[in-house]
Each structure stands twice: as C-alpha cells, then as structure tokens.
Amino acid sequence: MKYDLLLTGGEVIDPSAGLRGIMDVAISGGKIAAVAPSLPAHEARRTISAAGHLVMPGLVDIHAHVFVNAHDMGGRTDAICQASGVTTLCDAGSTGSSNFSGLRHTLDTQVRTRVRAFVNLSAIGITGTSRGGELSHFPYADPEGCARTIVENPDLAIGVKLRFGPGLVWEYSNEPVKLARKTADMAGGVPMMMHITDSPIPLPALIEHMKPGDIVTHCYHGRAHGIMGQEKQFLLKEVVEAQRAGIIFDCAHGRNHFNFRMIERALDQGFLPDTISTDLTVTSATKGPVWDLPTTMSKLLHFGMPLDEIVRRSTAAPAKIMGYEGTVGTLKPGANADVSVFELRDGAFALTDSDGDTITAKRKLFARLTLKDGRVWYERPAA
C-alpha cells in the first residue's frame, strides 16, 4: 500500500503551506505524504472520513506548564493535550537550573507530547512560596546556571524565561529584563520570554531591552501597564513599533491574563497576537477559564479574528519559535504527520475571560481526532 492512513473529505486549513479547501491528507511512515483533492482510497491501508470537519496541523502551544511546583500537569500532560488537538507544547519556565533535570526526567519517562522548554532565570523555577516569587530575592537569580542549562540541553531548552510583576522580581526596574537578556546572549543568543501582568513600571521601559525574536507573553491582560498603557484605550506606539521590529507578542490566556475588553480593542486596532497559547496548568484545564487551546482560539474567533490567522498562530508560528519550522505545525508533505481534526460547532457557548466576564459565542471548536506522528492519538467518543 502506498499510504498508511488517508483522511478524506475534510476542509483543510494550513495557511503556512498555502492549503485551503476540501482535500484528502495521506500519511506514510509517520510523515505527510500528500495533500490533494480525491486521493485514491484503495492505496491506503486505512481511511478515516473527515467530511464536515476542519483538518489542521497538530496544534502547538508555545506557553504551558508541565512542571510548576515540580509536578502540575506532569504525567497528565498527554491526556490534556491529545483531547484538544495539541501535539506539541513548550513549558514556559516552570524550572530553573536547579530543577531542570526533574522536568527532563518527567518528559523522558511519562510524556509523549512533543515538548521543549524555556529555562527560568531563577534557579528554583516557578515554585510556590509564601516568601514571594521565584525572583523576589536576588540570590535566586542564576544567569550562569540558566545559560549553562540551555547550552547543555539543546534538544529541549530553547530560551530564557522571566516573570516580571509584583512580588516576582527583586526590584521594579529594567534590571531584571537586562539580566534575562544578557543570560539569553550567554546561551548563544536564544530568545527570552517575558511575562507581564500588572507591571509596576510601563511596558515600553521593559521592551526597549528586548531583541527581535524575544517574546512578550500575556499581551492581552487588562491590568496595569499593558499594551495600551494605563488609559487602556489605544495601543502604545512603542508596542506597535516593537511588533513590527520582530518582537513577538503571545496572548497566553492563563487564569489572570486574558481580558475580553482588551482583546476587542486590540483587534479593532489591528493588533493580532503573533502566537496563541494557553498558559495551561492542571487548575486552568480542569476548573477554567482556560480549559484548552481550542477554547482560547474560539474566544478570539468570537471577536473577529480570521480563522486562517488563528490557525497560523496556533501552529506554524509557534513551531518556528520552537525550532520545528517545516516539520511540525504544518501539513506540508514531508512534515511530521501531526494532524488535528475539529468540528466548528454552531450554537450558544458561554466563554469566560480571566476577569470573570462572559460572552456568548455562536461558534466553538471541538477536537474530534488527533494524530501524532501518523498514528491516531485521540478520537472523541461518539455522543
């Protein structure tokens, strides 16, 4: 047989590969073999109908947490990801130099989801403590250890993570950002990801120390000193200029970082997130309001973001940042056969942001089938 598996009759959406329309997707040897209308079913060992559904690359979540407090999603990562069409995710700084080996052990022994990670500037990573955040005491900062961890783990570590906010850093100035950027340079010029929510100082004072390819995450929070400053009405010119210059703005929903009014204003002013992610933890996956990446995508769809751009920023764009350009997050022939099949269901769906505001969406994405490396990884049970 020419193909191991053939998905037939679905509406393929992969802007990165220029694919849009009713097509079949053929898989062989764990790779995408062909995408075209009406591929011969008799040449496939197995066929699965995707008629009436959307067929996308396997989703890529650039900001989630596998190992906060040395556990969190941990061994449950696969179950959470596969049921939402996610085949690849990035741990956004759960661990630092002192506990990165624990993350690696968990991934090696318990997780099949494709994972890469940012390494926290703090040696202890994101560890809950009543004494403050992971960088509230300067001695926790370990730039040399962070850079060394990245260099010694090139298959897993891709950059430096800094959380900047009240109680999270040792001083409210641009010094933590400068140190994180210096650390990223020490590690070979890797990107740094900066968390911002309720910043004690204006965002422009922080992003002026970032380079193209660096990431501002939680860009749609509705708290102090965000992308619209304190007025929260119009995009700051420094933010617009930074995005144009190549600094990446990631939405990273989370329990505290996704405000509907901010999103609506930003999209109305033409400011789209470069990447769409969840900041997912067990709590936000089981108690909300995040739930999963398709729900986050559905929220942006409700506010008018084009579906093709939502797909691009949930697949190819984050895959490129993670070093997977052309092999993950795309249905281009030769790429890993990671495929997600979704139903875009009509109805009335209550969706809630991080501040408790609820909207009623008319459409919502539901994962029906997830393939990873050419194998069926998840299939939603029949209703």
Protein backbone atom coordinates (compact mmCIF):
# COMPACT_ATOMS: atom_id res chain seq x y z
CA MET A 1 0.00 0.00 0.00
CA LYS A 2 1.18 3.49 -0.82
CA TYR A 3 -0.30 5.13 2.29
CA ASP A 4 -0.71 4.00 5.88
CA LEU A 5 -3.67 6.31 6.50
CA LEU A 6 -5.89 8.58 4.45
CA LEU A 7 -8.06 11.33 5.92
CA THR A 8 -10.77 12.04 3.39
CA GLY A 9 -13.08 14.91 2.56
CA GLY A 10 -12.18 17.38 5.30
CA GLU A 11 -11.77 21.13 4.91
CA VAL A 12 -8.01 21.55 5.15
CA ILE A 13 -6.72 24.78 6.71
CA ASP A 14 -2.97 25.30 6.74
CA PRO A 15 -2.04 28.87 5.80
CA SER A 16 1.69 28.18 6.25
CA ALA A 17 1.58 25.64 3.43
CA GLY A 18 -0.96 27.54 1.32
CA LEU A 19 -3.57 24.83 1.79
CA ARG A 20 -7.27 25.71 1.95
CA GLY A 21 -10.19 23.65 0.71
CA ILE A 22 -11.80 20.22 0.66
CA MET A 23 -8.91 17.78 0.39
CA ASP A 24 -7.58 14.40 1.43
CA VAL A 25 -4.49 14.04 3.61
CA ALA A 26 -2.30 10.99 3.04
CA ILE A 27 0.17 9.69 5.62
CA SER A 28 3.02 7.25 5.20
CA GLY A 29 5.82 6.31 7.61
CA GLY A 30 4.72 8.91 10.14
CA LYS A 31 5.02 11.75 7.61
CA ILE A 32 2.61 13.73 5.49
CA ALA A 33 2.79 12.06 2.06
CA ALA A 34 0.31 14.13 0.05
CA VAL A 35 -2.50 16.67 0.39
CA ALA A 36 -4.82 16.94 -2.59
CA PRO A 37 -8.43 16.51 -3.66
CA SER A 38 -9.60 12.91 -4.15
CA LEU A 39 -6.56 10.82 -3.40
CA PRO A 40 -7.13 7.11 -4.23
CA ALA A 41 -8.59 5.36 -1.17
CA HIS A 42 -7.58 1.90 -2.45
CA GLU A 43 -3.94 2.88 -1.97
CA ALA A 44 -4.36 3.35 1.79
CA ARG A 45 -4.36 0.68 4.49
CA ARG A 46 -6.92 2.68 6.46
CA THR A 47 -9.22 5.56 5.65
CA ILE A 48 -10.94 7.93 8.07
CA SER A 49 -13.62 10.33 6.90
CA ALA A 50 -13.14 13.94 7.96
CA ALA A 51 -16.14 15.15 5.97
CA GLY A 52 -17.86 18.12 7.56
CA HIS A 53 -14.86 18.85 9.78
CA LEU A 54 -11.81 21.10 9.70
CA VAL A 55 -8.42 19.48 9.21
CA MET A 56 -5.47 21.41 10.61
CA PRO A 57 -1.88 20.73 11.57
CA GLY A 58 -1.49 19.41 15.11
CA LEU A 59 -1.73 22.42 17.40
CA VAL A 60 1.36 23.91 19.03
CA ASP A 61 1.03 25.59 22.44
CA ILE A 62 4.01 27.89 23.00
CA HIS A 63 3.15 28.63 26.65
CA ALA A 64 2.05 25.93 29.10
CA HIS A 65 3.37 24.41 32.32
CA VAL A 66 4.26 20.76 32.76
CA PHE A 67 6.28 21.07 35.96
CA VAL A 68 5.22 24.03 38.14
CA ASN A 69 5.98 23.17 41.76
CA ALA A 70 7.76 20.06 40.45
CA HIS A 71 4.56 18.36 39.30
CA ASP A 72 1.49 20.18 37.87
CA MET A 73 0.45 18.55 34.56
CA GLY A 74 3.36 16.11 34.76
CA GLY A 75 2.21 12.68 33.62
CA ARG A 76 -1.24 14.06 32.81
CA THR A 77 0.19 16.21 30.01
CA ASP A 78 -0.67 13.71 27.26
CA ALA A 79 -4.30 13.28 28.29
CA ILE A 80 -4.82 17.04 28.43
CA CYS A 81 -3.09 17.73 25.11
CA GLN A 82 -4.35 14.90 22.94
CA ALA A 83 -8.01 15.59 23.71
CA SER A 84 -7.56 19.16 22.46
CA GLY A 85 -5.62 18.54 19.25
CA VAL A 86 -2.29 19.65 20.73
CA THR A 87 0.71 17.54 19.76
CA THR A 88 3.49 19.96 20.71
CA LEU A 89 3.90 22.38 23.59
CA CYS A 90 6.50 24.50 25.28
CA ASP A 91 6.98 24.58 29.03
CA ALA A 92 7.32 28.30 29.78
CA GLY A 93 9.89 28.39 32.55
CA SER A 94 8.49 26.02 35.14
CA THR A 95 12.03 25.04 36.06
CA GLY A 96 15.39 26.71 36.51
CA SER A 97 18.95 25.46 36.66
CA SER A 98 18.48 23.56 39.93
CA ASN A 99 15.42 21.51 38.94
CA PHE A 100 15.51 21.34 35.13
CA SER A 101 16.65 17.72 35.38
CA GLY A 102 13.33 16.90 37.06
CA LEU A 103 11.44 18.25 34.06
CA ARG A 104 13.62 16.22 31.73
CA HIS A 105 13.06 13.04 33.73
CA THR A 106 9.29 13.56 33.65
CA LEU A 107 9.32 14.13 29.90
CA ASP A 108 11.56 11.14 29.27
CA THR A 109 9.53 8.72 31.37
CA GLN A 110 5.92 9.93 31.41
CA VAL A 111 5.17 12.21 28.45
CA ARG A 112 4.77 11.50 24.74
CA THR A 113 3.66 15.01 23.81
CA ARG A 114 6.46 16.75 21.93
CA VAL A 115 7.87 19.28 24.42
CA ARG A 116 10.54 21.95 24.53
CA ALA A 117 11.12 24.45 27.32
CA PHE A 118 12.23 27.88 28.40
CA VAL A 119 14.54 27.84 31.42
CA ASN A 120 13.68 30.21 34.24
CA LEU A 121 16.24 32.88 35.16
CA SER A 122 15.57 31.84 38.75
CA ALA A 123 17.41 28.71 39.82
CA ILE A 124 14.30 27.38 41.59
CA GLY A 125 11.85 27.94 38.74
CA ILE A 126 8.18 28.58 39.45
CA THR A 127 7.87 27.26 42.97
CA GLY A 128 5.06 28.36 45.26
CA THR A 129 6.28 30.05 48.41
CA SER A 130 4.79 32.43 50.96
CA ARG A 131 8.03 34.40 50.84
CA GLY A 132 7.46 35.74 47.33
CA GLY A 133 8.01 34.77 43.71
CA GLU A 134 10.96 32.93 42.25
CA LEU A 135 12.99 36.12 41.70
CA SER A 136 11.74 38.16 44.64
CA HIS A 137 15.15 37.52 46.24
CA PHE A 138 18.08 38.41 44.01
CA PRO A 139 20.23 35.43 45.12
CA TYR A 140 17.71 33.16 43.35
CA ALA A 141 18.82 34.61 40.01
CA ASP A 142 21.27 32.25 38.31
CA PRO A 143 22.25 33.67 34.92
CA GLU A 144 25.31 31.45 34.54
CA GLY A 145 23.40 28.31 35.55
CA CYS A 146 20.46 29.19 33.31
CA ALA A 147 22.72 29.75 30.29
CA ARG A 148 24.65 26.55 31.03
CA THR A 149 21.41 24.55 31.28
CA ILE A 150 20.30 25.80 27.87
CA VAL A 151 23.65 25.05 26.25
CA GLU A 152 23.83 21.56 27.77
CA ASN A 153 20.26 20.64 26.74
CA PRO A 154 19.97 21.76 23.11
CA ASP A 155 17.30 19.17 22.32
CA LEU A 156 14.97 20.53 24.98
CA ALA A 157 15.86 24.04 26.17
CA ILE A 158 15.19 26.91 23.77
CA GLY A 159 15.37 30.15 25.77
CA VAL A 160 15.21 32.16 28.99
CA LYS A 161 12.02 32.89 30.96
CA LEU A 162 11.47 35.94 33.16
CA ARG A 163 8.29 36.68 35.08
CA PHE A 164 8.05 40.42 35.72
CA GLY A 165 5.37 41.67 38.09
CA PRO A 166 4.50 42.50 41.70
CA GLY A 167 6.26 40.17 44.10
CA LEU A 168 8.04 38.35 41.28
CA VAL A 169 11.29 40.28 40.88
CA TRP A 170 13.84 41.69 43.30
CA GLU A 171 13.39 45.26 42.11
CA TYR A 172 10.89 47.14 39.97
CA SER A 173 13.21 48.44 37.30
CA ASN A 174 14.51 47.30 33.94
CA GLU A 175 17.42 45.46 35.61
CA PRO A 176 15.68 42.04 35.68
CA VAL A 177 14.96 42.35 31.94
CA LYS A 178 18.52 43.36 31.20
CA LEU A 179 19.84 40.38 33.17
CA ALA A 180 17.48 37.98 31.38
CA ARG A 181 18.56 39.36 28.00
CA LYS A 182 22.24 39.06 28.99
CA THR A 183 21.60 35.45 30.02
CA ALA A 184 19.99 34.69 26.65
CA ASP A 185 23.07 36.13 24.94
CA MET A 186 25.34 33.99 27.14
CA ALA A 187 23.38 30.94 25.97
CA GLY A 188 24.13 31.70 22.35
CA GLY A 189 21.58 34.38 21.50
CA VAL A 190 18.47 32.35 22.29
CA PRO A 191 15.13 34.14 22.77
CA MET A 192 13.88 35.36 26.11
CA MET A 193 10.23 35.25 27.12
CA MET A 194 8.97 37.94 29.48
CA HIS A 195 5.75 37.52 31.45
CA ILE A 196 3.95 40.84 32.03
CA THR A 197 0.83 41.31 34.11
CA ASP A 198 0.16 44.28 36.38
CA SER A 199 3.67 45.58 35.77
CA PRO A 200 4.89 48.13 38.31
CA ILE A 201 6.54 50.14 35.51
CA PRO A 202 5.45 50.99 31.94
CA LEU A 203 5.88 48.30 29.30
CA PRO A 204 7.97 50.47 26.93
CA ALA A 205 10.68 50.72 29.62
CA LEU A 206 10.95 46.93 29.54
CA ILE A 207 10.64 46.08 25.86
CA GLU A 208 13.36 48.54 24.90
CA HIS A 209 15.81 45.97 26.26
CA MET A 210 14.41 43.12 24.17
CA LYS A 211 15.58 41.92 20.76
CA PRO A 212 13.70 40.66 17.68
CA GLY A 213 12.62 37.10 18.39
CA ASP A 214 12.09 37.77 22.09
CA ILE A 215 8.58 37.19 23.39
CA VAL A 216 6.22 39.34 25.45
CA THR A 217 3.69 36.92 26.88
CA HIS A 218 0.21 37.67 28.32
CA CYS A 219 -0.15 40.60 25.92
CA TYR A 220 -3.95 40.80 26.41
CA HIS A 221 -4.07 41.17 30.18
CA GLY A 222 -6.28 44.01 31.39
CA ARG A 223 -4.18 45.16 34.33
CA ALA A 224 -1.58 47.85 34.87
CA HIS A 225 0.96 48.91 32.23
CA GLY A 226 -0.10 46.66 29.39
CA ILE A 227 -0.02 47.16 25.63
CA MET A 228 -2.39 50.15 25.95
CA GLY A 229 -0.74 51.73 28.98
CA GLN A 230 -2.76 52.99 31.90
CA GLU A 231 -5.51 54.52 29.74
CA LYS A 232 -6.33 51.12 28.19
CA GLN A 233 -7.83 52.72 25.11
CA PHE A 234 -5.20 52.86 22.37
CA LEU A 235 -2.16 50.78 21.54
CA LEU A 236 1.12 52.30 22.65
CA LYS A 237 3.24 53.32 19.68
CA GLU A 238 6.22 51.56 21.28
CA VAL A 239 4.26 48.30 21.26
CA VAL A 240 3.30 48.68 17.61
CA GLU A 241 6.90 49.50 16.69
CA ALA A 242 8.23 46.57 18.73
CA GLN A 243 5.95 44.10 16.97
CA ARG A 244 6.93 45.49 13.58
CA ALA A 245 10.59 45.12 14.57
CA GLY A 246 10.13 41.42 15.30
CA ILE A 247 9.37 41.20 19.00
CA ILE A 248 6.75 38.51 19.42
CA PHE A 249 3.54 39.14 21.36
CA ASP A 250 1.95 35.99 22.75
CA CYS A 251 -1.56 36.02 24.24
CA ALA A 252 -1.08 33.18 26.83
CA HIS A 253 -4.57 33.09 28.35
CA GLY A 254 -3.92 31.84 31.89
CA ARG A 255 -6.06 32.38 34.95
CA ASN A 256 -5.16 36.08 35.16
CA HIS A 257 -4.06 37.30 31.75
CA PHE A 258 -6.89 37.37 29.18
CA ASN A 259 -9.30 40.29 29.23
CA PHE A 260 -12.14 40.44 26.67
CA ARG A 261 -12.34 44.24 26.57
CA MET A 262 -8.61 44.49 25.94
CA ILE A 263 -8.82 41.85 23.20
CA GLU A 264 -11.72 43.57 21.47
CA ARG A 265 -9.95 46.94 21.46
CA ALA A 266 -6.65 45.46 20.33
CA LEU A 267 -8.19 43.52 17.44
CA ASP A 268 -10.23 46.56 16.41
CA GLN A 269 -6.94 48.47 16.19
CA GLY A 270 -5.32 45.74 14.09
CA PHE A 271 -3.13 44.26 16.81
CA LEU A 272 -3.16 40.46 16.46
CA PRO A 273 -1.16 38.18 18.74
CA ASP A 274 1.83 36.64 16.98
CA THR A 275 1.17 33.39 18.82
CA ILE A 276 -1.89 31.96 20.58
CA SER A 277 -1.28 29.96 23.74
CA THR A 278 -2.93 28.89 26.97
CA ASP A 279 -0.54 29.22 29.94
CA LEU A 280 -2.21 25.93 30.80
CA THR A 281 -1.89 24.27 34.20
CA VAL A 282 -3.95 21.47 35.73
CA THR A 283 -6.09 24.02 37.56
CA SER A 284 -6.89 26.10 34.48
CA ALA A 285 -7.51 22.94 32.44
CA THR A 286 -9.96 21.43 34.94
CA LYS A 287 -11.59 24.48 36.54
CA GLY A 288 -11.22 27.06 33.76
CA PRO A 289 -11.44 29.63 32.45
CA VAL A 290 -8.77 28.47 30.01
CA TRP A 291 -9.79 24.82 29.52
CA ASP A 292 -7.63 24.24 26.42
CA LEU A 293 -6.14 25.77 23.28
CA PRO A 294 -9.23 25.27 21.05
CA THR A 295 -11.33 27.20 23.59
CA THR A 296 -8.80 30.03 23.55
CA MET A 297 -8.89 30.00 19.76
CA SER A 298 -12.71 30.08 19.86
CA LYS A 299 -12.65 33.19 22.03
CA LEU A 300 -10.51 35.04 19.51
CA LEU A 301 -12.75 33.80 16.70
CA HIS A 302 -15.73 35.32 18.51
CA PHE A 303 -14.06 38.74 18.49
CA GLY A 304 -13.49 38.63 14.76
CA MET A 305 -10.00 37.27 14.31
CA PRO A 306 -9.89 35.39 10.97
CA LEU A 307 -9.84 31.61 11.34
CA ASP A 308 -6.87 31.23 8.98
CA GLU A 309 -4.81 33.61 11.14
CA ILE A 310 -5.90 31.81 14.30
CA VAL A 311 -4.67 28.54 12.80
CA ARG A 312 -1.38 30.05 11.63
CA ARG A 313 -0.67 31.49 15.09
CA SER A 314 -1.54 28.21 16.82
CA THR A 315 0.57 26.00 14.55
CA ALA A 316 3.34 27.22 12.24
CA ALA A 317 4.22 30.43 14.09
CA PRO A 318 4.92 28.81 17.49
CA ALA A 319 6.54 25.79 15.79
CA LYS A 320 9.09 28.12 14.18
CA ILE A 321 9.98 29.65 17.56
CA MET A 322 10.49 26.17 18.97
CA GLY A 323 12.86 25.17 16.16
CA TYR A 324 10.36 23.00 14.29
CA GLU A 325 9.78 25.09 11.18
CA GLY A 326 8.67 22.90 8.29
CA THR A 327 8.47 19.72 10.37
CA VAL A 328 5.74 20.49 12.93
CA GLY A 329 2.73 22.78 12.73
CA THR A 330 2.24 22.21 9.01
CA LEU A 331 0.65 19.71 6.63
CA LYS A 332 3.33 20.23 4.01
CA PRO A 333 4.43 16.88 2.51
CA GLY A 334 7.46 15.57 4.36
CA ALA A 335 6.45 17.11 7.68
CA ASN A 336 5.68 15.03 10.75
CA ALA A 337 2.15 13.68 10.41
CA ASP A 338 0.65 15.63 13.29
CA VAL A 339 -2.95 16.39 12.34
CA SER A 340 -5.91 17.73 14.30
CA VAL A 341 -9.50 17.36 13.12
CA PHE A 342 -12.05 19.76 14.54
CA GLU A 343 -15.76 20.35 14.47
CA LEU A 344 -16.66 24.04 14.31
CA ARG A 345 -19.98 23.74 16.04
CA ASP A 346 -22.76 26.34 15.83
CA GLY A 347 -24.72 27.15 18.98
CA ALA A 348 -24.65 29.37 22.04
CA PHE A 349 -21.48 28.85 24.07
CA ALA A 350 -20.68 30.73 27.27
CA LEU A 351 -16.99 31.66 27.30
CA THR A 352 -15.33 33.47 30.21
CA ASP A 353 -12.18 35.57 30.42
CA SER A 354 -9.69 35.80 33.27
CA ASP A 355 -11.60 38.60 34.97
CA GLY A 356 -14.93 36.81 35.13
CA ASP A 357 -16.60 38.48 32.15
CA THR A 358 -18.66 36.10 30.00
CA ILE A 359 -19.71 36.30 26.36
CA THR A 360 -21.97 34.02 24.32
CA ALA A 361 -20.14 32.75 21.27
CA LYS A 362 -22.02 31.45 18.23
CA ARG A 363 -19.24 29.04 17.21
CA LYS A 364 -16.80 26.88 19.11
CA LEU A 365 -14.06 24.46 18.13
CA PHE A 366 -14.21 20.87 19.39
CA ALA A 367 -11.43 18.35 18.78
CA ARG A 368 -12.67 15.20 17.07
CA LEU A 369 -9.42 13.42 16.17
CA THR A 370 -5.73 13.90 16.93
CA LEU A 371 -2.92 12.22 15.01
CA LYS A 372 0.67 12.34 16.22
CA ASP A 373 3.46 11.06 14.01
CA GLY A 374 0.87 9.42 11.78
CA ARG A 375 -0.91 7.45 14.48
CA VAL A 376 -4.35 8.02 15.96
CA TRP A 377 -3.60 9.53 19.36
CA TYR A 378 -7.13 10.55 20.31
CA GLU A 379 -10.60 10.04 18.93
CA ARG A 380 -13.56 11.70 20.59
CA PRO A 381 -16.12 9.09 21.66
CA ALA A 382 -19.41 9.13 19.79
CA ALA A 383 -22.02 11.26 21.54
